């Protein structure tokens, strides 16, 4: 049974920082692309960031480039999202996700919702102005 458990959400003032963590179990972690998505009230779930199997390649939605950093530790089965210079528009529930299938390439990145098959329960991030 695959489990993804997020932690680190909370309330922060605009300009502040938060670090989200996702602990994975039940899968061979190093074989999966990992990503973060978010969903604000009344909006669709959107891609935020992804990291390749070996951590060498990353991808971000334009609105967070330069502010967020995704990283992974394959030895600990962890993927983190460091969020700096937070804005009120970053307020959302943040979800950790693992790719639908294990990947052969260690450099591949995917960012579409349908490419991910495992999801955490989400953690709330609220940024006050």
Protein backbone atom coordinates (compact mmCIF):
# COMPACT_ATOMS: atom_id res chain seq x y z
CA UNK A 1 0.00 0.00 0.00
CA UNK A 2 1.52 3.28 -1.14
CA UNK A 3 1.34 6.08 1.40
CA UNK A 4 2.38 9.70 0.98
CA UNK A 5 2.18 11.81 4.12
CA UNK A 6 2.68 15.57 3.95
CA UNK A 7 3.71 17.82 6.81
CA UNK A 8 4.86 21.38 7.36
CA UNK A 9 1.87 23.43 6.33
CA UNK A 10 0.54 26.32 8.36
CA UNK A 11 -0.19 30.02 8.55
CA UNK A 12 2.50 32.51 7.54
CA UNK A 13 2.62 36.19 6.71
CA UNK A 14 3.33 37.35 3.19
CA UNK A 15 7.05 37.32 2.53
CA UNK A 16 7.61 34.45 4.92
CA UNK A 17 8.77 30.90 4.35
CA UNK A 18 7.53 27.38 4.90
CA UNK A 19 9.04 23.98 4.19
CA UNK A 20 6.75 21.13 3.25
CA UNK A 21 7.87 17.53 3.58
CA UNK A 22 6.40 14.35 2.16
CA UNK A 23 7.28 10.92 3.54
CA UNK A 24 6.69 8.04 1.15
CA UNK A 25 6.26 4.35 1.88
CA UNK A 26 5.06 1.26 0.05
CA UNK A 27 6.94 1.99 -3.17
CA UNK A 28 10.51 1.88 -4.43
CA UNK A 29 10.85 5.60 -3.98
CA UNK A 30 13.90 6.19 -6.16
CA UNK A 31 12.06 4.81 -9.20
CA UNK A 32 9.30 7.43 -9.13
CA UNK A 33 9.09 10.99 -10.27
CA UNK A 34 7.80 13.11 -7.38
CA UNK A 35 5.74 16.24 -7.57
CA UNK A 36 3.82 18.84 -5.62
CA UNK A 37 0.42 20.16 -6.64
CA UNK A 38 -1.90 22.65 -4.97
CA UNK A 39 -5.59 23.42 -4.94
CA UNK A 40 -7.11 26.70 -3.86
CA UNK A 41 -10.81 27.00 -2.97
CA UNK A 42 -12.96 26.97 -6.08
CA UNK A 43 -10.03 26.22 -8.36
CA UNK A 44 -8.66 23.15 -10.06
CA UNK A 45 -5.65 21.34 -8.71
CA UNK A 46 -2.54 22.75 -10.36
CA UNK A 47 1.02 21.59 -10.83
CA UNK A 48 3.59 23.34 -8.65
CA UNK A 49 6.88 21.46 -8.94
CA UNK A 50 8.42 18.13 -9.88
CA UNK A 51 11.75 16.40 -9.42
CA UNK A 52 13.30 13.58 -11.43
CA UNK A 53 14.27 10.23 -9.98
CA UNK A 54 17.87 11.26 -9.31
CA UNK A 55 17.03 14.79 -8.21
CA UNK A 56 19.07 16.33 -11.02
CA UNK A 57 16.12 17.77 -12.94
CA UNK A 58 13.37 19.96 -11.57
CA UNK A 59 10.44 21.84 -13.06
CA UNK A 60 8.19 24.56 -11.67
CA UNK A 61 5.07 26.42 -12.60
CA UNK A 62 6.02 29.94 -13.66
CA UNK A 63 4.34 31.60 -10.69
CA UNK A 64 6.71 29.97 -8.18
CA UNK A 65 9.99 29.99 -10.11
CA UNK A 66 12.73 31.62 -8.10
CA UNK A 67 10.74 31.29 -4.86
CA UNK A 68 10.13 27.53 -4.41
CA UNK A 69 12.66 24.71 -4.45
CA UNK A 70 11.83 21.02 -4.68
CA UNK A 71 14.33 18.41 -3.49
CA UNK A 72 14.37 14.73 -2.63
CA UNK A 73 16.34 12.34 -0.44
CA UNK A 74 16.12 8.84 -1.90
CA UNK A 75 17.85 7.33 1.13
CA UNK A 76 15.08 8.63 3.41
CA UNK A 77 12.14 8.42 0.98
CA UNK A 78 11.46 12.13 1.41
CA UNK A 79 10.57 14.95 -0.96
CA UNK A 80 10.54 18.54 0.26
CA UNK A 81 9.21 21.82 -1.04
CA UNK A 82 10.96 24.91 0.30
CA UNK A 83 8.71 27.91 -0.18
CA UNK A 84 10.16 31.41 0.20
CA UNK A 85 8.75 34.88 -0.39
CA UNK A 86 5.26 33.53 0.03
CA UNK A 87 2.32 35.47 -1.38
CA UNK A 88 -1.37 35.39 -0.47
CA UNK A 89 -2.05 33.77 -3.85
CA UNK A 90 0.03 30.77 -2.72
CA UNK A 91 -2.72 29.92 -0.24
CA UNK A 92 -3.97 26.42 -1.02
CA UNK A 93 -3.95 22.81 0.04
CA UNK A 94 -0.65 21.34 -1.10
CA UNK A 95 -0.47 17.72 -2.24
CA UNK A 96 2.50 15.44 -2.66
CA UNK A 97 2.31 13.04 -5.60
CA UNK A 98 4.22 10.12 -7.09
CA UNK A 99 4.21 9.24 -10.76
CA UNK A 100 1.70 6.71 -12.00
CA UNK A 101 4.41 4.20 -12.83
CA UNK A 102 8.10 3.74 -12.06
CA UNK A 103 10.27 5.40 -14.69
CA UNK A 104 13.23 4.04 -16.58
CA UNK A 105 14.89 7.41 -17.09
CA UNK A 106 16.51 8.99 -14.06
CA UNK A 107 16.17 12.42 -15.66
CA UNK A 108 12.53 12.45 -16.76
CA UNK A 109 10.07 15.05 -15.47
CA UNK A 110 6.29 15.09 -15.81
CA UNK A 111 3.90 17.86 -14.82
CA UNK A 112 0.46 16.73 -15.92
CA UNK A 113 -2.10 15.63 -13.36
CA UNK A 114 -2.78 12.37 -15.17
CA UNK A 115 0.88 11.34 -14.99
CA UNK A 116 0.64 10.98 -11.23
CA UNK A 117 -1.04 8.02 -9.64
CA UNK A 118 -0.44 8.34 -5.91
CA UNK A 119 -1.45 11.26 -3.74
CA UNK A 120 -1.10 12.39 -0.16
CA UNK A 121 -3.94 13.75 1.92
CA UNK A 122 -2.77 17.34 1.56
CA UNK A 123 -1.54 20.03 3.91
CA UNK A 124 -3.00 23.53 4.22
CA UNK A 125 -0.82 26.54 3.51
CA UNK A 126 -2.32 29.93 4.33
CA UNK A 127 -0.49 33.16 3.54
CA UNK A 128 -1.89 36.30 5.13
CA UNK A 129 -1.41 39.73 3.63
